[in-house]
C-alpha atoms as a PDB file:
ATOM      1  CA  MET A   1     118.009  93.156 122.402  1.00  0.00           C
ATOM      2  CA  PRO A   2     114.934  93.800 120.212  1.00  0.00           C
ATOM      3  CA  HIS A   3     112.665  90.795 119.665  1.00  0.00           C
ATOM      4  CA  PRO A   4     111.143  90.447 116.182  1.00  0.00           C
ATOM      5  CA  ARG A   5     107.379  90.814 115.876  1.00  0.00           C
ATOM      6  CA  SER A   6     105.065  89.100 113.437  1.00  0.00           C
ATOM      7  CA  LEU A   7     102.610  91.314 111.580  1.00  0.00           C
ATOM      8  CA  ASP A   8      99.220  89.640 111.323  1.00  0.00           C
ATOM      9  CA  SER A   9      97.283  91.578 108.683  1.00  0.00           C
ATOM     10  CA  ASP A  10      93.927  90.456 110.142  1.00  0.00           C
ATOM     11  CA  ASP A  11      94.517  91.893 113.614  1.00  0.00           C
ATOM     12  CA  PHE A  12      97.241  94.525 113.244  1.00  0.00           C
ATOM     13  CA  LEU A  13      96.183  98.186 113.220  1.00  0.00           C
ATOM     14  CA  LEU A  14      98.424 101.133 112.438  1.00  0.00           C
ATOM     15  CA  SER A  15      97.296 104.538 113.758  1.00  0.00           C
ATOM     16  CA  VAL A  16      98.743 107.775 112.399  1.00  0.00           C
ATOM     17  CA  VAL A  17      98.204 110.927 114.491  1.00  0.00           C
ATOM     18  CA  VAL A  18      98.035 114.189 112.527  1.00  0.00           C
ATOM     19  CA  PRO A  19      97.690 117.481 114.486  1.00  0.00           C
ATOM     20  CA  CYS A  20      96.104 120.277 112.430  1.00  0.00           C
ATOM     21  CA  TYR A  21      95.852 124.024 112.956  1.00  0.00           C
ATOM     22  CA  ASN A  22      94.582 126.202 110.088  1.00  0.00           C
ATOM     23  CA  GLU A  23      95.705 123.700 107.466  1.00  0.00           C
ATOM     24  CA  GLN A  24      92.919 124.067 104.885  1.00  0.00           C
ATOM     25  CA  GLU A  25      95.406 124.727 102.056  1.00  0.00           C
ATOM     26  CA  VAL A  26      97.476 121.583 102.584  1.00  0.00           C
ATOM     27  CA  LEU A  27      94.918 119.222 104.133  1.00  0.00           C
ATOM     28  CA  PRO A  28      93.507 117.772 100.850  1.00  0.00           C
ATOM     29  CA  LEU A  29      97.065 116.951  99.737  1.00  0.00           C
ATOM     30  CA  THR A  30      97.884 115.437 103.123  1.00  0.00           C
ATOM     31  CA  HIS A  31      94.755 113.289 103.233  1.00  0.00           C
ATOM     32  CA  ALA A  32      95.286 112.001  99.684  1.00  0.00           C
ATOM     33  CA  ARG A  33      98.961 111.264 100.409  1.00  0.00           C
ATOM     34  CA  LEU A  34      98.142 109.343 103.591  1.00  0.00           C
ATOM     35  CA  LEU A  35      95.502 107.242 101.844  1.00  0.00           C
ATOM     36  CA  GLU A  36      97.921 106.561  98.998  1.00  0.00           C
ATOM     37  CA  ALA A  37     100.759 105.610 101.350  1.00  0.00           C
ATOM     38  CA  PHE A  38      98.750 103.191 103.518  1.00  0.00           C
ATOM     39  CA  GLY A  39      95.801 102.230 101.321  1.00  0.00           C
ATOM     40  CA  ALA A  40      97.636  99.386  99.594  1.00  0.00           C
ATOM     41  CA  ALA A  41      99.326  98.103 102.772  1.00  0.00           C
ATOM     42  CA  PRO A  42      98.425  94.534 103.849  1.00  0.00           C
ATOM     43  CA  PHE A  43      97.065  95.679 107.224  1.00  0.00           C
ATOM     44  CA  ARG A  44      94.408  97.930 108.681  1.00  0.00           C
ATOM     45  CA  PHE A  45      95.216 101.572 109.332  1.00  0.00           C
ATOM     46  CA  GLN A  46      93.594 104.513 111.068  1.00  0.00           C
ATOM     47  CA  ILE A  47      94.163 108.252 110.665  1.00  0.00           C
ATOM     48  CA  VAL A  48      93.560 110.293 113.826  1.00  0.00           C
ATOM     49  CA  TYR A  49      93.250 113.957 112.889  1.00  0.00           C
ATOM     50  CA  VAL A  50      93.236 116.549 115.672  1.00  0.00           C
ATOM     51  CA  ASN A  51      91.677 119.943 115.011  1.00  0.00           C
ATOM     52  CA  ASP A  52      93.544 122.262 117.390  1.00  0.00           C
ATOM     53  CA  GLY A  53      91.039 125.120 117.409  1.00  0.00           C
ATOM     54  CA  SER A  54      91.461 126.018 113.723  1.00  0.00           C
ATOM     55  CA  ARG A  55      89.784 129.241 112.550  1.00  0.00           C
ATOM     56  CA  ASP A  56      89.547 128.248 108.885  1.00  0.00           C
ATOM     57  CA  ALA A  57      87.771 125.347 107.174  1.00  0.00           C
ATOM     58  CA  THR A  58      90.059 122.703 108.700  1.00  0.00           C
ATOM     59  CA  GLY A  59      87.452 121.507 111.219  1.00  0.00           C
ATOM     60  CA  ALA A  60      84.720 121.105 108.592  1.00  0.00           C
ATOM     61  CA  MET A  61      87.094 119.241 106.277  1.00  0.00           C
ATOM     62  CA  LEU A  62      88.130 116.811 109.027  1.00  0.00           C
ATOM     63  CA  GLU A  63      84.508 116.137 109.942  1.00  0.00           C
ATOM     64  CA  GLU A  64      83.813 115.431 106.276  1.00  0.00           C
ATOM     65  CA  TYR A  65      86.732 112.989 106.057  1.00  0.00           C
ATOM     66  CA  ALA A  66      85.542 111.195 109.207  1.00  0.00           C
ATOM     67  CA  ALA A  67      81.974 110.933 107.883  1.00  0.00           C
ATOM     68  CA  ALA A  68      83.127 109.492 104.545  1.00  0.00           C
ATOM     69  CA  ASP A  69      85.748 106.990 105.730  1.00  0.00           C
ATOM     70  CA  THR A  70      85.576 104.545 108.644  1.00  0.00           C
ATOM     71  CA  ARG A  71      89.382 104.633 108.843  1.00  0.00           C
ATOM     72  CA  VAL A  72      89.364 108.309 109.877  1.00  0.00           C
ATOM     73  CA  LYS A  73      88.770 109.682 113.358  1.00  0.00           C
ATOM     74  CA  ALA A  74      88.598 113.446 113.911  1.00  0.00           C
ATOM     75  CA  VAL A  75      89.280 114.731 117.425  1.00  0.00           C
ATOM     76  CA  ILE A  76      87.953 118.291 117.708  1.00  0.00           C
ATOM     77  CA  LEU A  77      89.445 120.320 120.575  1.00  0.00           C
ATOM     78  CA  SER A  78      87.449 123.061 122.277  1.00  0.00           C
ATOM     79  CA  ARG A  79      90.075 125.713 121.423  1.00  0.00           C
ATOM     80  CA  ASN A  80      93.694 126.074 120.368  1.00  0.00           C
ATOM     81  CA  PHE A  81      95.861 124.360 123.001  1.00  0.00           C
ATOM     82  CA  GLY A  82      99.122 124.206 121.029  1.00  0.00           C
ATOM     83  CA  HIS A  83     100.933 121.612 118.965  1.00  0.00           C
ATOM     84  CA  GLN A  84     102.174 119.405 121.804  1.00  0.00           C
ATOM     85  CA  ALA A  85      98.730 119.293 123.418  1.00  0.00           C
ATOM     86  CA  ALA A  86      97.148 118.436 120.064  1.00  0.00           C
ATOM     87  CA  VAL A  87      99.597 115.575 119.538  1.00  0.00           C
ATOM     88  CA  SER A  88      98.835 114.366 123.075  1.00  0.00           C
ATOM     89  CA  ALA A  89      95.109 114.399 122.294  1.00  0.00           C
ATOM     90  CA  GLY A  90      95.688 112.362 119.148  1.00  0.00           C
ATOM     91  CA  LEU A  91      97.825 109.833 120.999  1.00  0.00           C
ATOM     92  CA  ALA A  92      95.149 109.490 123.662  1.00  0.00           C
ATOM     93  CA  HIS A  93      92.574 108.537 121.028  1.00  0.00           C
ATOM     94  CA  ALA A  94      94.732 106.330 118.800  1.00  0.00           C
ATOM     95  CA  ASP A  95      93.610 102.699 118.760  1.00  0.00           C
ATOM     96  CA  GLY A  96      96.531 101.089 116.923  1.00  0.00           C
ATOM     97  CA  ASP A  97      99.067  98.440 117.834  1.00  0.00           C
ATOM     98  CA  ALA A  98     101.718 100.788 116.425  1.00  0.00           C
ATOM     99  CA  ILE A  99     101.235 104.557 116.379  1.00  0.00           C
ATOM    100  CA  GLY A 100     102.889 107.130 114.140  1.00  0.00           C
ATOM    101  CA  ILE A 101     103.070 110.908 114.575  1.00  0.00           C
ATOM    102  CA  ILE A 102     103.301 113.194 111.558  1.00  0.00           C
ATOM    103  CA  ASP A 103     102.548 116.875 110.931  1.00  0.00           C
ATOM    104  CA  ALA A 104      99.961 117.920 108.363  1.00  0.00           C
ATOM    105  CA  ASP A 105     102.395 119.993 106.282  1.00  0.00           C
ATOM    106  CA  LEU A 106     103.933 116.952 104.487  1.00  0.00           C
ATOM    107  CA  GLN A 107     107.475 117.996 105.386  1.00  0.00           C
ATOM    108  CA  ASP A 108     107.806 114.510 106.870  1.00  0.00           C
ATOM    109  CA  PRO A 109     106.999 111.932 104.147  1.00  0.00           C
ATOM    110  CA  PRO A 110     104.213 109.502 105.180  1.00  0.00           C
ATOM    111  CA  GLU A 111     105.978 106.720 103.267  1.00  0.00           C
ATOM    112  CA  VAL A 112     108.801 106.819 105.829  1.00  0.00           C
ATOM    113  CA  ILE A 113     106.345 105.434 108.400  1.00  0.00           C
ATOM    114  CA  LEU A 114     106.281 102.186 106.388  1.00  0.00           C
ATOM    115  CA  ALA A 115     110.071 101.989 106.699  1.00  0.00           C
ATOM    116  CA  MET A 116     109.688 102.655 110.427  1.00  0.00           C
ATOM    117  CA  LEU A 117     107.181  99.829 110.571  1.00  0.00           C
ATOM    118  CA  ASP A 118     109.827  97.433 109.225  1.00  0.00           C
ATOM    119  CA  LYS A 119     112.045  98.358 112.172  1.00  0.00           C
ATOM    120  CA  TRP A 120     109.062  97.904 114.513  1.00  0.00           C
ATOM    121  CA  ARG A 121     108.623  94.402 113.113  1.00  0.00           C
ATOM    122  CA  ALA A 122     112.334  93.827 113.804  1.00  0.00           C
ATOM    123  CA  GLY A 123     111.566  94.415 117.480  1.00  0.00           C
ATOM    124  CA  TYR A 124     112.208  98.110 118.163  1.00  0.00           C
ATOM    125  CA  ASP A 125     109.668  99.876 120.372  1.00  0.00           C
ATOM    126  CA  VAL A 126     110.366 103.442 119.203  1.00  0.00           C
ATOM    127  CA  ILE A 127     111.620 104.491 115.795  1.00  0.00           C
ATOM    128  CA  TYR A 128     112.238 108.236 115.520  1.00  0.00           C
ATOM    129  CA  GLY A 129     113.006 110.144 112.358  1.00  0.00           C
ATOM    130  CA  VAL A 130     116.341 111.935 112.098  1.00  0.00           C
ATOM    131  CA  ARG A 131     116.478 114.789 109.603  1.00  0.00           C
ATOM    132  CA  ARG A 132     119.433 114.107 107.347  1.00  0.00           C
ATOM    133  CA  LYS A 133     118.752 117.209 105.293  1.00  0.00           C
ATOM    134  CA  ARG A 134     116.393 120.143 105.836  1.00  0.00           C
ATOM    135  CA  LYS A 135     115.170 122.356 102.994  1.00  0.00           C
ATOM    136  CA  GLU A 136     114.916 125.494 105.106  1.00  0.00           C
ATOM    137  CA  SER A 137     116.761 128.786 105.499  1.00  0.00           C
ATOM    138  CA  LEU A 138     120.366 128.832 106.698  1.00  0.00           C
ATOM    139  CA  PHE A 139     119.330 130.683 109.856  1.00  0.00           C
ATOM    140  CA  LYS A 140     116.754 128.029 110.788  1.00  0.00           C
ATOM    141  CA  ARG A 141     119.092 125.148 110.007  1.00  0.00           C
ATOM    142  CA  THR A 142     121.807 126.714 112.153  1.00  0.00           C
ATOM    143  CA  ALA A 143     119.376 127.408 115.007  1.00  0.00           C
ATOM    144  CA  TYR A 144     118.064 123.826 114.957  1.00  0.00           C
ATOM    145  CA  THR A 145     121.583 122.384 114.877  1.00  0.00           C
ATOM    146  CA  LEU A 146     122.723 124.496 117.835  1.00  0.00           C
ATOM    147  CA  PHE A 147     119.613 123.785 119.881  1.00  0.00           C
ATOM    148  CA  TYR A 148     119.726 120.005 119.544  1.00  0.00           C
ATOM    149  CA  ARG A 149     123.398 119.914 120.513  1.00  0.00           C
ATOM    150  CA  ILE A 150     122.982 122.265 123.462  1.00  0.00           C
ATOM    151  CA  PHE A 151     119.882 120.371 124.581  1.00  0.00           C
ATOM    152  CA  ARG A 152     121.671 117.032 124.396  1.00  0.00           C
ATOM    153  CA  SER A 153     124.588 118.374 126.434  1.00  0.00           C
ATOM    154  CA  VAL A 154     122.389 119.660 129.281  1.00  0.00           C
ATOM    155  CA  ALA A 155     119.471 117.177 129.246  1.00  0.00           C
ATOM    156  CA  GLU A 156     119.217 114.555 131.953  1.00  0.00           C
ATOM    157  CA  VAL A 157     118.147 111.932 129.393  1.00  0.00           C
ATOM    158  CA  ASP A 158     119.901 110.622 126.289  1.00  0.00           C
ATOM    159  CA  MET A 159     118.362 112.885 123.638  1.00  0.00           C
ATOM    160  CA  PRO A 160     118.907 111.960 119.972  1.00  0.00           C
ATOM    161  CA  LEU A 161     120.193 114.697 117.673  1.00  0.00           C
ATOM    162  CA  ASP A 162     118.007 116.255 114.962  1.00  0.00           C
ATOM    163  CA  ALA A 163     114.946 114.183 115.911  1.00  0.00           C
ATOM    164  CA  GLY A 164     111.528 115.828 116.116  1.00  0.00           C
ATOM    165  CA  ASP A 165     108.086 114.426 116.911  1.00  0.00           C
ATOM    166  CA  PHE A 166     107.968 112.369 113.692  1.00  0.00           C
ATOM    167  CA  CYS A 167     108.160 108.778 114.879  1.00  0.00           C
ATOM    168  CA  LEU A 168     106.516 105.373 115.248  1.00  0.00           C
ATOM    169  CA  MET A 169     106.025 103.742 118.631  1.00  0.00           C
ATOM    170  CA  ASP A 170     104.655 100.508 120.008  1.00  0.00           C
ATOM    171  CA  ARG A 171     101.319 100.421 121.827  1.00  0.00           C
ATOM    172  CA  HIS A 172     103.005  99.613 125.135  1.00  0.00           C
ATOM    173  CA  VAL A 173     105.191 102.724 124.875  1.00  0.00           C
ATOM    174  CA  LEU A 174     102.139 104.843 124.059  1.00  0.00           C
ATOM    175  CA  ASP A 175     100.262 103.539 127.105  1.00  0.00           C
ATOM    176  CA  VAL A 176     103.197 104.580 129.295  1.00  0.00           C
ATOM    177  CA  LEU A 177     103.335 108.047 127.678  1.00  0.00           C
ATOM    178  CA  ASN A 178      99.594 108.526 128.118  1.00  0.00           C
ATOM    179  CA  ASP A 179      99.880 107.683 131.814  1.00  0.00           C
ATOM    180  CA  LEU A 180     102.524 110.359 132.507  1.00  0.00           C
ATOM    181  CA  PRO A 181     100.908 113.043 134.688  1.00  0.00           C
ATOM    182  CA  GLU A 182     102.481 116.310 133.540  1.00  0.00           C
ATOM    183  CA  SER A 183     100.389 118.829 131.617  1.00  0.00           C
ATOM    184  CA  GLU A 184     103.287 120.801 130.094  1.00  0.00           C
ATOM    185  CA  ARG A 185     104.369 118.108 127.649  1.00  0.00           C
ATOM    186  CA  TYR A 186     107.494 118.023 125.488  1.00  0.00           C
ATOM    187  CA  LEU A 187     106.819 114.769 123.681  1.00  0.00           C
ATOM    188  CA  ARG A 188     110.177 114.102 122.073  1.00  0.00           C
ATOM    189  CA  GLY A 189     111.769 114.483 125.516  1.00  0.00           C
ATOM    190  CA  LEU A 190     109.174 112.241 127.172  1.00  0.00           C
ATOM    191  CA  ARG A 191     109.698 109.703 124.393  1.00  0.00           C
ATOM    192  CA  ALA A 192     113.408 109.561 125.215  1.00  0.00           C
ATOM    193  CA  TRP A 193     112.745 109.541 128.970  1.00  0.00           C
ATOM    194  CA  VAL A 194     110.514 106.436 128.966  1.00  0.00           C
ATOM    195  CA  GLY A 195     113.296 104.369 127.415  1.00  0.00           C
ATOM    196  CA  PHE A 196     112.528 100.982 125.785  1.00  0.00           C
ATOM    197  CA  SER A 197     114.418  99.888 122.661  1.00  0.00           C
ATOM    198  CA  GLN A 198     114.778 102.905 120.385  1.00  0.00           C
ATOM    199  CA  THR A 199     116.464 103.428 117.043  1.00  0.00           C
ATOM    200  CA  ALA A 200     116.801 106.172 114.435  1.00  0.00           C
ATOM    201  CA  LEU A 201     115.733 106.277 110.818  1.00  0.00           C
ATOM    202  CA  GLU A 202     117.281 108.966 108.637  1.00  0.00           C
ATOM    203  CA  TYR A 203     115.207 110.759 106.025  1.00  0.00           C
ATOM    204  CA  GLU A 204     115.243 113.953 104.002  1.00  0.00           C
ATOM    205  CA  ARG A 205     112.814 116.605 105.180  1.00  0.00           C
ATOM    206  CA  ALA A 206     110.903 118.373 102.413  1.00  0.00           C
ATOM    207  CA  VAL A 207     109.538 121.903 102.210  1.00  0.00           C
ATOM    208  CA  ARG A 208     105.961 122.580 103.311  1.00  0.00           C
ATOM    209  CA  ALA A 209     103.581 121.333 100.600  1.00  0.00           C
ATOM    210  CA  ALA A 210     101.159 124.288 100.912  1.00  0.00           C
ATOM    211  CA  GLY A 211     100.101 127.005 103.317  1.00  0.00           C
ATOM    212  CA  VAL A 212     102.311 128.804 105.824  1.00  0.00           C
ATOM    213  CA  THR A 213     104.183 127.524 108.842  1.00  0.00           C
ATOM    214  CA  LYS A 214     102.327 127.419 112.144  1.00  0.00           C
ATOM    215  CA  TYR A 215     105.618 127.499 114.052  1.00  0.00           C
ATOM    216  CA  PRO A 216     107.038 131.046 113.802  1.00  0.00           C
ATOM    217  CA  PHE A 217     110.330 131.860 115.498  1.00  0.00           C
ATOM    218  CA  ARG A 218     108.758 132.841 118.834  1.00  0.00           C
ATOM    219  CA  LYS A 219     106.966 129.489 119.077  1.00  0.00           C
ATOM    220  CA  LEU A 220     110.170 127.662 118.233  1.00  0.00           C
ATOM    221  CA  VAL A 221     111.921 129.549 121.048  1.00  0.00           C
ATOM    222  CA  LYS A 222     109.123 128.574 123.456  1.00  0.00           C
ATOM    223  CA  LEU A 223     109.335 124.936 122.364  1.00  0.00           C
ATOM    224  CA  ALA A 224     113.099 124.974 122.916  1.00  0.00           C
ATOM    225  CA  ALA A 225     112.646 126.539 126.370  1.00  0.00           C
ATOM    226  CA  ASP A 226     110.013 123.927 127.271  1.00  0.00           C
ATOM    227  CA  GLY A 227     112.452 121.178 126.354  1.00  0.00           C
ATOM    228  CA  ILE A 228     115.366 122.575 128.337  1.00  0.00           C
ATOM    229  CA  PHE A 229     113.401 123.567 131.445  1.00  0.00           C
ATOM    230  CA  SER A 230     111.454 120.279 131.456  1.00  0.00           C
ATOM    231  CA  PHE A 231     114.448 117.971 131.149  1.00  0.00           C
ATOM    232  CA  SER A 232     117.394 119.818 132.667  1.00  0.00           C
ATOM    233  CA  THR A 233     118.338 121.672 135.832  1.00  0.00           C
ATOM    234  CA  ALA A 234     121.460 123.033 134.130  1.00  0.00           C
ATOM    235  CA  PRO A 235     120.086 126.632 134.070  1.00  0.00           C
ATOM    236  CA  LEU A 236     119.735 126.530 137.870  1.00  0.00           C
ATOM    237  CA  THR A 237     123.290 125.225 138.165  1.00  0.00           C
ATOM    238  CA  LEU A 238     124.408 128.029 135.847  1.00  0.00           C
ATOM    239  CA  VAL A 239     122.759 130.589 138.140  1.00  0.00           C
ATOM    240  CA  PHE A 240     124.559 129.047 141.142  1.00  0.00           C
ATOM    241  CA  TYR A 241     127.958 129.252 139.459  1.00  0.00           C
ATOM    242  CA  ALA A 242     127.245 132.770 138.182  1.00  0.00           C
ATOM    243  CA  GLY A 243     126.535 133.780 141.780  1.00  0.00           C
ATOM    244  CA  LEU A 244     129.765 132.176 142.976  1.00  0.00           C
ATOM    245  CA  ILE A 245     131.816 133.889 140.261  1.00  0.00           C
ATOM    246  CA  THR A 246     130.197 137.271 140.947  1.00  0.00           C
ATOM    247  CA  ALA A 247     130.802 136.862 144.686  1.00  0.00           C
ATOM    248  CA  ALA A 248     134.433 135.901 144.032  1.00  0.00           C
ATOM    249  CA  ILE A 249     134.924 138.995 141.859  1.00  0.00           C
ATOM    250  CA  ALA A 250     133.381 141.167 144.590  1.00  0.00           C
ATOM    251  CA  VAL A 251     135.639 139.681 147.290  1.00  0.00           C
ATOM    252  CA  ALA A 252     138.698 140.072 145.055  1.00  0.00           C
ATOM    253  CA  GLY A 253     137.709 143.706 144.435  1.00  0.00           C
ATOM    254  CA  LEU A 254     137.405 144.344 148.170  1.00  0.00           C
ATOM    255  CA  ILE A 255     140.818 142.825 148.871  1.00  0.00           C
ATOM    256  CA  PHE A 256     142.381 144.759 146.011  1.00  0.00           C
ATOM    257  CA  THR A 257     140.831 148.051 147.183  1.00  0.00           C
ATOM    258  CA  PHE A 258     142.041 147.434 150.748  1.00  0.00           C
ATOM    259  CA  VAL A 259     145.602 146.646 149.599  1.00  0.00           C
ATOM    260  CA  GLN A 260     145.609 149.621 147.231  1.00  0.00           C
ATOM    261  CA  ARG A 261     144.620 152.047 149.987  1.00  0.00           C
ATOM    262  CA  VAL A 262     146.984 150.615 152.622  1.00  0.00           C
ATOM    263  CA  PHE A 263     150.018 150.687 150.306  1.00  0.00           C
ATOM    264  CA  ASP A 264     148.944 153.721 148.262  1.00  0.00           C
ATOM    265  CA  ILE A 265     149.246 151.847 144.955  1.00  0.00           C
ATOM    266  CA  THR A 266     148.511 153.675 141.717  1.00  0.00           C
ATOM    267  CA  VAL A 267     146.714 151.563 139.096  1.00  0.00           C
ATOM    268  CA  PHE A 268     146.317 152.820 135.507  1.00  0.00           C
ATOM    269  CA  GLY A 269     147.199 156.295 136.703  1.00  0.00           C
ATOM    270  CA  VAL A 270     144.521 156.283 139.429  1.00  0.00           C
ATOM    271  CA  ALA A 271     145.671 156.719 143.015  1.00  0.00           C
ATOM    272  CA  PRO A 272     143.576 155.665 146.049  1.00  0.00           C
ATOM    273  CA  THR A 273     143.026 159.320 146.934  1.00  0.00           C
ATOM    274  CA  ASP A 274     141.566 160.119 143.488  1.00  0.00           C
ATOM    275  CA  ILE A 275     137.787 160.119 142.989  1.00  0.00           C
ATOM    276  CA  PRO A 276     136.907 157.172 140.676  1.00  0.00           C
ATOM    277  CA  GLY A 277     134.929 157.809 137.519  1.00  0.00           C
ATOM    278  CA  PHE A 278     131.206 157.367 137.210  1.00  0.00           C
ATOM    279  CA  THR A 279     131.387 155.132 134.100  1.00  0.00           C
ATOM    280  CA  ALA A 280     133.038 152.172 135.851  1.00  0.00           C
ATOM    281  CA  LEU A 281     130.518 152.346 138.702  1.00  0.00           C
ATOM    282  CA  ALA A 282     127.568 152.511 136.338  1.00  0.00           C
ATOM    283  CA  LEU A 283     128.837 149.565 134.299  1.00  0.00           C
ATOM    284  CA  MET A 284     129.332 147.494 137.445  1.00  0.00           C
ATOM    285  CA  ILE A 285     125.784 148.223 138.621  1.00  0.00           C
ATOM    286  CA  LEU A 286     124.401 147.319 135.209  1.00  0.00           C
ATOM    287  CA  PHE A 287     126.379 144.069 135.183  1.00  0.00           C
ATOM    288  CA  LEU A 288     125.206 143.008 138.631  1.00  0.00           C
ATOM    289  CA  GLY A 289     121.637 144.010 137.797  1.00  0.00           C
ATOM    290  CA  ALA A 290     121.722 141.933 134.612  1.00  0.00           C
ATOM    291  CA  VAL A 291     123.006 138.890 136.508  1.00  0.00           C
ATOM    292  CA  GLN A 292     120.255 139.288 139.109  1.00  0.00           C
ATOM    293  CA  MET A 293     117.509 139.712 136.505  1.00  0.00           C
ATOM    294  CA  LEU A 294     118.760 136.697 134.533  1.00  0.00           C
ATOM    295  CA  SER A 295     118.845 134.620 137.703  1.00  0.00           C
ATOM    296  CA  VAL A 296     115.349 135.655 138.730  1.00  0.00           C
ATOM    297  CA  GLY A 297     114.107 134.954 135.189  1.00  0.00           C
ATOM    298  CA  ILE A 298     115.513 131.417 135.203  1.00  0.00           C
ATOM    299  CA  LEU A 299     114.023 130.756 138.628  1.00  0.00           C
ATOM    300  CA  GLY A 300     110.742 132.178 137.367  1.00  0.00           C
ATOM    301  CA  GLU A 301     110.678 129.717 134.454  1.00  0.00           C
ATOM    302  CA  TYR A 302     110.899 126.769 136.838  1.00  0.00           C
ATOM    303  CA  ILE A 303     108.453 128.251 139.348  1.00  0.00           C
ATOM    304  CA  GLY A 304     106.007 129.038 136.535  1.00  0.00           C
ATOM    305  CA  ARG A 305     106.061 125.416 135.417  1.00  0.00           C
ATOM    306  CA  ILE A 306     105.486 124.270 139.005  1.00  0.00           C
ATOM    307  CA  PHE A 307     102.541 126.703 139.162  1.00  0.00           C
ATOM    308  CA  VAL A 308     101.029 125.210 135.985  1.00  0.00           C
ATOM    309  CA  GLU A 309     101.486 121.616 137.147  1.00  0.00           C
ATOM    310  CA  VAL A 310     100.039 122.035 140.661  1.00  0.00           C
ATOM    311  CA  LYS A 311      96.812 123.484 139.246  1.00  0.00           C
ATOM    312  CA  ARG A 312      96.226 120.090 137.597  1.00  0.00           C
ATOM    313  CA  ARG A 313      94.315 121.556 134.674  1.00  0.00           C
ATOM    314  CA  PRO A 314      93.960 119.177 131.716  1.00  0.00           C
ATOM    315  CA  THR A 315      96.367 119.452 128.806  1.00  0.00           C
ATOM    316  CA  TYR A 316      93.453 119.811 126.383  1.00  0.00           C
ATOM    317  CA  ILE A 317      89.661 119.552 126.226  1.00  0.00           C
ATOM    318  CA  VAL A 318      87.946 117.521 123.524  1.00  0.00           C
ATOM    319  CA  ARG A 319      84.730 119.075 122.218  1.00  0.00           C
ATOM    320  CA  THR A 320      83.682 116.235 119.915  1.00  0.00           C
ATOM    321  CA  ILE A 321      85.057 113.081 118.356  1.00  0.00           C
ATOM    322  CA  GLU A 322      83.870 112.485 114.815  1.00  0.00           C
ATOM    323  CA  ARG A 323      84.037 108.943 113.446  1.00  0.00           C
ATOM    324  CA  THR A 324      81.908 106.596 111.380  1.00  0.00           C
ATOM    325  CA  ALA A 325      81.340 102.992 112.411  1.00  0.00           C
ATOM    326  CA  GLU A 326      81.787 100.088 110.021  1.00  0.00           C
ATOM    327  CA  GLY A 327      78.071 100.010 109.316  1.00  0.00           C
ATOM    328  CA  GLY A 328      78.124 103.623 108.131  1.00  0.00           C
ATOM    329  CA  THR A 329      76.594 105.174 111.244  1.00  0.00           C
ATOM    330  CA  ALA A 330      78.225 108.129 112.951  1.00  0.00           C
ATOM    331  CA  GLY A 331      79.890 107.469 116.252  1.00  0.00           C
ATOM    332  CA  PRO A 332      78.836 109.236 119.452  1.00  0.00           C
ATOM    333  CA  LYS A 333      80.013 112.753 120.080  1.00  0.00           C
ATOM    334  CA  VAL A 334      82.118 113.034 123.195  1.00  0.00           C
ATOM    335  CA  VAL A 335      83.117 115.914 125.439  1.00  0.00           C
ATOM    336  CA  GLU A 336      86.026 115.214 127.762  1.00  0.00           C
ATOM    337  CA  ALA A 337      89.084 116.722 129.419  1.00  0.00           C
ATOM    338  CA  GLY A 338      92.562 115.476 128.622  1.00  0.00           C
ATOM    339  CA  ARG A 339      93.854 114.701 132.106  1.00  0.00           C
ATOM    340  CA  GLU A 340      93.303 110.946 131.762  1.00  0.00           C
ATOM    341  CA  PRO A 341      93.898 110.090 128.101  1.00  0.00           C
ATOM    342  CA  GLN A 342      93.418 106.376 128.764  1.00  0.00           C
ATOM    343  CA  ALA A 343      89.758 107.019 129.664  1.00  0.00           C
ATOM    344  CA  GLU A 344      88.602 106.162 126.148  1.00  0.00           C
ATOM    345  CA  SER A 345      88.880 102.418 125.679  1.00  0.00           C
ATOM    346  CA  ARG A 346      90.459 100.930 122.581  1.00  0.00           C
ATOM    347  CA  LYS A 347      88.048 100.078 119.819  1.00  0.00           C
END
């Protein structure tokens, strides 16, 4: 059972991680909204922006925010490593007692984090947002709905439906997540895998406030594949059963052909002595070839992930960390790899 927590405004720190990639159009709105949402709260807060190799003015804007406000930390990555890596970098450099994750596009309302914080105070370790309503195209809504239900049915952990990365977690949960060794990270799956006391908070997802989406369909497909292949062996089981079924069909075909020839049985007007048509043979070859290629592809997805993990390359590389100390002086610039996110001590 969750144990209630007391929120001491003198010591408590809330960190909010915001990954950014080419977000110059929406970033001023996001920054103003975050300051408005948490500025009047009776506790300290910190915004951890992550510049994921942006090619526009995003990096310069984040450095400016960090220089002007001691509550802002800007983690500048050496190149674009992807959304999940950027979130991981932000989590590694968050100093809070409770840590929220939110995208820069304002589709997830920052004010919901305050409602999540109430549940954190009630004793829950992880509070994840569940999208009650999405203001997106019918195709996208249908695709999301199907994916989450398929994923839940095949995943080896209890995955919540319609829950993305938007969440609030306790410091202890974050320390466990940061210590996990894999480099190909699917954070919402890892969040479910670590356990602890978790609960949902429903909210209505808005449209993007400005700019264009940084998650086109191909990236969504990759994210879905990462989730399934990272948390389920069901595709391998599917290949096994497909092989069994194909083998059974082949054996049944052999037996049928043998019986047909021995007893001279005519089937659909074709006698054993007739020469069979080319179409049926070609279709059979195509079918077996498709099954083989699909099987090899699924095996390749798992082997490829093994290949990435055994190389032990870091998930991300931090070029600099921009922050301003309480006295108004700029903090030191740091260059580091993201293999050991706990390397930077809490401030």
